[in-house]
Amino acid sequence: MGQLVASAKNIKQEELKARYSKLFAEALTYISTPKKNTDVLLHMMGFLKQMLTKEEKMDILSVIEDYRKEILPLVVPVTLIYHQVKKYKIKYLLDQVYLNPHPKELMLRNHV
C-alpha cells in the first residue's frame, strides 16, 4: 500500500481508490498469530542488536520466547522493544504503527 500511496500523483483518482480499496480489504484478511508477531518482534530486534548489551538482548529474547509460547501477552515484548527503540531514537521503528497501534487505554493487546 505504501508504494501505491507514494505513486498516487501519477495515478487517476478512481484507479487509485479502487486499487487502494482492494489492497486494504486484503490487509484486513491478514490474521495475526503468535508466530507472525514473533517474527516481527525478532525483526525489530535486528535494529537494536548493535546497541543492546548481551544481558538486555537475552532479557528481551526471553520475553519474546515466552510470548511465542503464549505465556505472556503481546504487550509485554512490544513494550520492552518500544522502550529500547525510544531510548535509542530509532526513527524507522518509532514511526511503525505496530509499536503504537491504538490508544493504550483500550488495552487491546493485553490478551493477544
N, C-alpha and C. Protein backbone atom coordinates (compact mmCIF):
# COMPACT_ATOMS: atom_id res chain seq x y z
N MET A 1 0.82 -1.19 0.00
CA MET A 1 0.00 0.00 0.00
C MET A 1 0.87 1.25 0.00
N GLY A 2 2.01 1.17 0.66
CA GLY A 2 2.90 2.32 0.74
C GLY A 2 3.38 2.76 -0.63
N GLN A 3 3.72 1.79 -1.47
CA GLN A 3 4.19 2.12 -2.82
C GLN A 3 3.07 2.77 -3.63
N LEU A 4 1.87 2.27 -3.45
CA LEU A 4 0.73 2.83 -4.16
C LEU A 4 0.50 4.28 -3.75
N VAL A 5 0.52 4.53 -2.47
CA VAL A 5 0.32 5.89 -1.97
C VAL A 5 1.45 6.80 -2.43
N ALA A 6 2.67 6.28 -2.43
CA ALA A 6 3.82 7.08 -2.86
C ALA A 6 3.71 7.50 -4.33
N SER A 7 3.07 6.67 -5.12
CA SER A 7 2.93 7.00 -6.55
C SER A 7 1.55 7.56 -6.88
N ALA A 8 0.81 7.99 -5.88
CA ALA A 8 -0.57 8.45 -6.06
C ALA A 8 -0.72 9.58 -7.07
N LYS A 9 0.25 10.48 -7.12
CA LYS A 9 0.10 11.62 -8.04
C LYS A 9 0.21 11.21 -9.50
N ASN A 10 0.66 9.99 -9.75
CA ASN A 10 0.79 9.50 -11.13
C ASN A 10 -0.37 8.60 -11.55
N ILE A 11 -1.37 8.45 -10.68
CA ILE A 11 -2.49 7.54 -10.95
C ILE A 11 -3.79 8.32 -10.89
N LYS A 12 -4.71 8.00 -11.79
CA LYS A 12 -6.02 8.65 -11.76
C LYS A 12 -6.71 8.32 -10.45
N GLN A 13 -7.46 9.28 -9.93
CA GLN A 13 -8.07 9.15 -8.61
C GLN A 13 -8.97 7.92 -8.50
N GLU A 14 -9.77 7.64 -9.50
CA GLU A 14 -10.67 6.48 -9.45
C GLU A 14 -9.88 5.17 -9.41
N GLU A 15 -8.83 5.10 -10.21
CA GLU A 15 -7.99 3.89 -10.22
C GLU A 15 -7.28 3.74 -8.87
N LEU A 16 -6.78 4.84 -8.36
CA LEU A 16 -6.11 4.83 -7.05
C LEU A 16 -7.07 4.32 -5.97
N LYS A 17 -8.27 4.86 -5.98
CA LYS A 17 -9.28 4.46 -4.99
C LYS A 17 -9.58 2.96 -5.09
N ALA A 18 -9.75 2.47 -6.30
CA ALA A 18 -10.07 1.05 -6.50
C ALA A 18 -8.91 0.15 -6.04
N ARG A 19 -7.70 0.51 -6.44
CA ARG A 19 -6.54 -0.30 -6.06
C ARG A 19 -6.29 -0.26 -4.56
N TYR A 20 -6.43 0.92 -3.98
CA TYR A 20 -6.22 1.05 -2.54
C TYR A 20 -7.28 0.26 -1.77
N SER A 21 -8.53 0.36 -2.19
CA SER A 21 -9.62 -0.38 -1.53
C SER A 21 -9.36 -1.88 -1.57
N LYS A 22 -8.89 -2.36 -2.72
CA LYS A 22 -8.60 -3.79 -2.86
C LYS A 22 -7.48 -4.21 -1.91
N LEU A 23 -6.40 -3.44 -1.89
CA LEU A 23 -5.27 -3.76 -1.00
C LEU A 23 -5.67 -3.67 0.47
N PHE A 24 -6.49 -2.68 0.79
CA PHE A 24 -6.95 -2.52 2.18
C PHE A 24 -7.79 -3.72 2.60
N ALA A 25 -8.70 -4.16 1.73
CA ALA A 25 -9.53 -5.32 2.03
C ALA A 25 -8.66 -6.57 2.22
N GLU A 26 -7.64 -6.72 1.40
CA GLU A 26 -6.72 -7.85 1.54
C GLU A 26 -5.98 -7.78 2.88
N ALA A 27 -5.57 -6.59 3.26
CA ALA A 27 -4.85 -6.42 4.52
C ALA A 27 -5.73 -6.81 5.71
N LEU A 28 -7.01 -6.55 5.61
CA LEU A 28 -7.92 -6.89 6.71
C LEU A 28 -8.11 -8.39 6.87
N THR A 29 -7.76 -9.17 5.85
CA THR A 29 -7.88 -10.62 5.96
C THR A 29 -6.67 -11.24 6.65
N TYR A 30 -5.63 -10.45 6.85
CA TYR A 30 -4.40 -10.93 7.50
C TYR A 30 -4.70 -11.28 8.95
N ILE A 31 -4.42 -12.50 9.33
CA ILE A 31 -4.68 -12.96 10.70
C ILE A 31 -3.38 -12.97 11.48
N SER A 32 -3.38 -12.26 12.57
CA SER A 32 -2.20 -12.19 13.43
C SER A 32 -2.12 -13.46 14.27
N THR A 33 -0.91 -14.01 14.38
CA THR A 33 -0.68 -15.19 15.20
C THR A 33 0.57 -14.95 16.05
N PRO A 34 0.74 -15.70 17.13
CA PRO A 34 1.98 -15.56 17.91
C PRO A 34 3.23 -15.78 17.05
N LYS A 35 3.19 -16.70 16.11
CA LYS A 35 4.34 -16.96 15.23
C LYS A 35 4.66 -15.73 14.39
N LYS A 36 3.63 -15.15 13.77
CA LYS A 36 3.85 -13.97 12.92
C LYS A 36 4.33 -12.78 13.75
N ASN A 37 3.73 -12.59 14.92
CA ASN A 37 4.16 -11.50 15.79
C ASN A 37 5.58 -11.71 16.28
N THR A 38 5.93 -12.95 16.57
CA THR A 38 7.30 -13.27 16.99
C THR A 38 8.29 -12.90 15.89
N ASP A 39 7.94 -13.20 14.65
CA ASP A 39 8.81 -12.84 13.52
C ASP A 39 9.00 -11.32 13.45
N VAL A 40 7.93 -10.57 13.64
CA VAL A 40 8.01 -9.10 13.61
C VAL A 40 8.90 -8.61 14.75
N LEU A 41 8.70 -9.15 15.94
CA LEU A 41 9.49 -8.73 17.11
C LEU A 41 10.98 -9.03 16.91
N LEU A 42 11.28 -10.19 16.36
CA LEU A 42 12.68 -10.55 16.12
C LEU A 42 13.30 -9.66 15.04
N HIS A 43 12.50 -9.30 14.05
CA HIS A 43 12.98 -8.37 13.02
C HIS A 43 13.32 -7.02 13.65
N MET A 44 12.47 -6.55 14.54
CA MET A 44 12.73 -5.28 15.23
C MET A 44 13.99 -5.37 16.09
N MET A 45 14.21 -6.53 16.68
CA MET A 45 15.42 -6.73 17.49
C MET A 45 16.68 -6.54 16.65
N GLY A 46 16.58 -6.86 15.37
CA GLY A 46 17.71 -6.68 14.47
C GLY A 46 18.19 -5.23 14.41
N PHE A 47 17.27 -4.30 14.59
CA PHE A 47 17.64 -2.88 14.58
C PHE A 47 18.35 -2.48 15.88
N LEU A 48 18.18 -3.29 16.92
CA LEU A 48 18.73 -2.96 18.24
C LEU A 48 20.01 -3.72 18.57
N LYS A 49 20.33 -4.75 17.81
CA LYS A 49 21.39 -5.69 18.22
C LYS A 49 22.74 -5.03 18.49
N GLN A 50 23.07 -3.97 17.78
CA GLN A 50 24.36 -3.31 17.99
C GLN A 50 24.35 -2.40 19.22
N MET A 51 23.18 -2.06 19.72
CA MET A 51 23.06 -1.09 20.81
C MET A 51 22.87 -1.73 22.18
N LEU A 52 22.26 -2.89 22.20
CA LEU A 52 21.93 -3.52 23.48
C LEU A 52 23.10 -4.32 24.03
N THR A 53 23.13 -4.41 25.35
CA THR A 53 24.11 -5.29 25.99
C THR A 53 23.66 -6.73 25.79
N LYS A 54 24.56 -7.65 26.02
CA LYS A 54 24.22 -9.07 25.90
C LYS A 54 23.06 -9.42 26.84
N GLU A 55 23.11 -8.89 28.06
CA GLU A 55 22.05 -9.15 29.04
C GLU A 55 20.71 -8.59 28.59
N GLU A 56 20.71 -7.39 28.04
CA GLU A 56 19.46 -6.79 27.55
C GLU A 56 18.88 -7.62 26.41
N LYS A 57 19.74 -8.05 25.49
CA LYS A 57 19.28 -8.90 24.39
C LYS A 57 18.65 -10.18 24.91
N MET A 58 19.34 -10.83 25.85
CA MET A 58 18.84 -12.09 26.40
C MET A 58 17.50 -11.88 27.11
N ASP A 59 17.36 -10.79 27.85
CA ASP A 59 16.10 -10.50 28.54
C ASP A 59 14.96 -10.34 27.55
N ILE A 60 15.18 -9.54 26.52
CA ILE A 60 14.12 -9.31 25.54
C ILE A 60 13.81 -10.58 24.76
N LEU A 61 14.84 -11.31 24.34
CA LEU A 61 14.61 -12.56 23.61
C LEU A 61 13.86 -13.58 24.46
N SER A 62 14.14 -13.60 25.75
CA SER A 62 13.43 -14.50 26.66
C SER A 62 11.95 -14.14 26.74
N VAL A 63 11.67 -12.85 26.80
CA VAL A 63 10.28 -12.39 26.85
C VAL A 63 9.57 -12.69 25.53
N ILE A 64 10.26 -12.51 24.42
CA ILE A 64 9.67 -12.84 23.12
C ILE A 64 9.35 -14.33 23.05
N GLU A 65 10.26 -15.15 23.55
CA GLU A 65 10.02 -16.60 23.56
C GLU A 65 8.83 -16.96 24.45
N ASP A 66 8.71 -16.31 25.60
CA ASP A 66 7.55 -16.56 26.47
C ASP A 66 6.26 -16.13 25.79
N TYR A 67 6.32 -15.05 25.02
CA TYR A 67 5.14 -14.65 24.25
C TYR A 67 4.82 -15.73 23.20
N ARG A 68 5.85 -16.19 22.48
CA ARG A 68 5.65 -17.21 21.45
C ARG A 68 4.98 -18.46 22.02
N LYS A 69 5.36 -18.80 23.26
CA LYS A 69 4.78 -19.97 23.93
C LYS A 69 3.43 -19.65 24.56
N GLU A 70 2.97 -18.41 24.38
CA GLU A 70 1.69 -17.93 24.89
C GLU A 70 1.64 -17.89 26.41
N ILE A 71 2.80 -17.65 27.03
CA ILE A 71 2.88 -17.49 28.48
C ILE A 71 2.62 -16.02 28.84
N LEU A 72 3.07 -15.12 27.97
CA LEU A 72 2.90 -13.68 28.19
C LEU A 72 2.07 -13.07 27.06
N PRO A 73 1.37 -11.97 27.33
CA PRO A 73 0.64 -11.29 26.26
C PRO A 73 1.60 -10.49 25.38
N LEU A 74 1.17 -10.18 24.18
CA LEU A 74 1.98 -9.45 23.21
C LEU A 74 2.46 -8.10 23.74
N VAL A 75 1.67 -7.47 24.57
CA VAL A 75 2.02 -6.14 25.07
C VAL A 75 3.35 -6.14 25.82
N VAL A 76 3.75 -7.25 26.40
CA VAL A 76 5.00 -7.30 27.18
C VAL A 76 6.23 -7.15 26.28
N PRO A 77 6.44 -8.00 25.27
CA PRO A 77 7.62 -7.79 24.43
C PRO A 77 7.54 -6.49 23.62
N VAL A 78 6.36 -6.10 23.19
CA VAL A 78 6.22 -4.85 22.44
C VAL A 78 6.65 -3.67 23.31
N THR A 79 6.25 -3.67 24.57
CA THR A 79 6.63 -2.58 25.47
C THR A 79 8.13 -2.55 25.71
N LEU A 80 8.74 -3.71 25.90
CA LEU A 80 10.19 -3.76 26.09
C LEU A 80 10.94 -3.24 24.87
N ILE A 81 10.52 -3.67 23.71
CA ILE A 81 11.18 -3.22 22.49
C ILE A 81 10.94 -1.73 22.28
N TYR A 82 9.71 -1.29 22.51
CA TYR A 82 9.40 0.14 22.34
C TYR A 82 10.28 0.99 23.25
N HIS A 83 10.48 0.55 24.46
CA HIS A 83 11.33 1.29 25.40
C HIS A 83 12.74 1.47 24.82
N GLN A 84 13.31 0.41 24.28
CA GLN A 84 14.65 0.49 23.71
C GLN A 84 14.69 1.32 22.42
N VAL A 85 13.67 1.18 21.61
CA VAL A 85 13.58 1.95 20.37
C VAL A 85 13.51 3.44 20.69
N LYS A 86 12.74 3.77 21.70
CA LYS A 86 12.61 5.17 22.13
C LYS A 86 13.94 5.67 22.73
N LYS A 87 14.55 4.84 23.55
CA LYS A 87 15.82 5.19 24.19
C LYS A 87 16.89 5.51 23.15
N TYR A 88 16.97 4.69 22.10
CA TYR A 88 17.99 4.86 21.08
C TYR A 88 17.51 5.67 19.87
N LYS A 89 16.28 6.17 19.96
CA LYS A 89 15.72 7.05 18.92
C LYS A 89 15.83 6.46 17.51
N ILE A 90 15.34 5.24 17.36
CA ILE A 90 15.37 4.58 16.06
C ILE A 90 14.11 5.00 15.31
N LYS A 91 14.25 6.05 14.51
CA LYS A 91 13.11 6.69 13.86
C LYS A 91 12.26 5.72 13.04
N TYR A 92 12.91 4.87 12.26
CA TYR A 92 12.17 3.93 11.43
C TYR A 92 11.18 3.12 12.26
N LEU A 93 11.62 2.64 13.42
CA LEU A 93 10.74 1.83 14.27
C LEU A 93 9.76 2.70 15.04
N LEU A 94 10.18 3.89 15.44
CA LEU A 94 9.26 4.79 16.14
C LEU A 94 8.07 5.15 15.25
N ASP A 95 8.28 5.16 13.95
CA ASP A 95 7.21 5.50 13.01
C ASP A 95 6.29 4.32 12.71
N GLN A 96 6.60 3.14 13.21
CA GLN A 96 5.80 1.96 12.92
C GLN A 96 4.54 1.91 13.79
N VAL A 97 3.41 1.75 13.17
CA VAL A 97 2.14 1.64 13.88
C VAL A 97 2.14 0.41 14.79
N TYR A 98 2.89 -0.61 14.43
CA TYR A 98 2.94 -1.85 15.20
C TYR A 98 3.25 -1.59 16.67
N LEU A 99 4.13 -0.63 16.94
CA LEU A 99 4.51 -0.35 18.33
C LEU A 99 3.47 0.47 19.08
N ASN A 100 2.63 1.19 18.37
CA ASN A 100 1.57 2.00 18.98
C ASN A 100 0.33 1.99 18.10
N PRO A 101 -0.36 0.86 18.01
CA PRO A 101 -1.46 0.75 17.06
C PRO A 101 -2.76 1.45 17.48
N HIS A 102 -2.91 1.72 18.77
CA HIS A 102 -4.15 2.31 19.27
C HIS A 102 -3.88 2.90 20.65
N PRO A 103 -4.82 3.70 21.16
CA PRO A 103 -4.61 4.28 22.50
C PRO A 103 -4.41 3.19 23.55
N LYS A 104 -3.38 3.35 24.39
CA LYS A 104 -3.07 2.33 25.40
C LYS A 104 -4.21 2.10 26.38
N GLU A 105 -5.05 3.10 26.56
CA GLU A 105 -6.18 2.96 27.49
C GLU A 105 -7.15 1.86 27.06
N LEU A 106 -7.17 1.54 25.78
CA LEU A 106 -8.06 0.48 25.31
C LEU A 106 -7.56 -0.91 25.68
N MET A 107 -6.27 -1.05 25.97
CA MET A 107 -5.66 -2.31 26.39
C MET A 107 -5.98 -3.46 25.42
N LEU A 108 -6.02 -3.16 24.14
CA LEU A 108 -6.43 -4.16 23.15
C LEU A 108 -5.44 -5.30 22.97
N ARG A 109 -4.18 -5.09 23.31
CA ARG A 109 -3.18 -6.15 23.11
C ARG A 109 -2.91 -6.93 24.39
N ASN A 110 -3.59 -6.65 25.44
CA ASN A 110 -3.29 -7.30 26.71
C ASN A 110 -3.61 -8.79 26.72
N HIS A 111 -4.43 -9.25 25.81
CA HIS A 111 -4.83 -10.66 25.82
C HIS A 111 -4.52 -11.36 24.51
N VAL A 112 -3.62 -10.78 23.71
CA VAL A 112 -3.28 -11.36 22.40
C VAL A 112 -2.15 -12.34 22.57
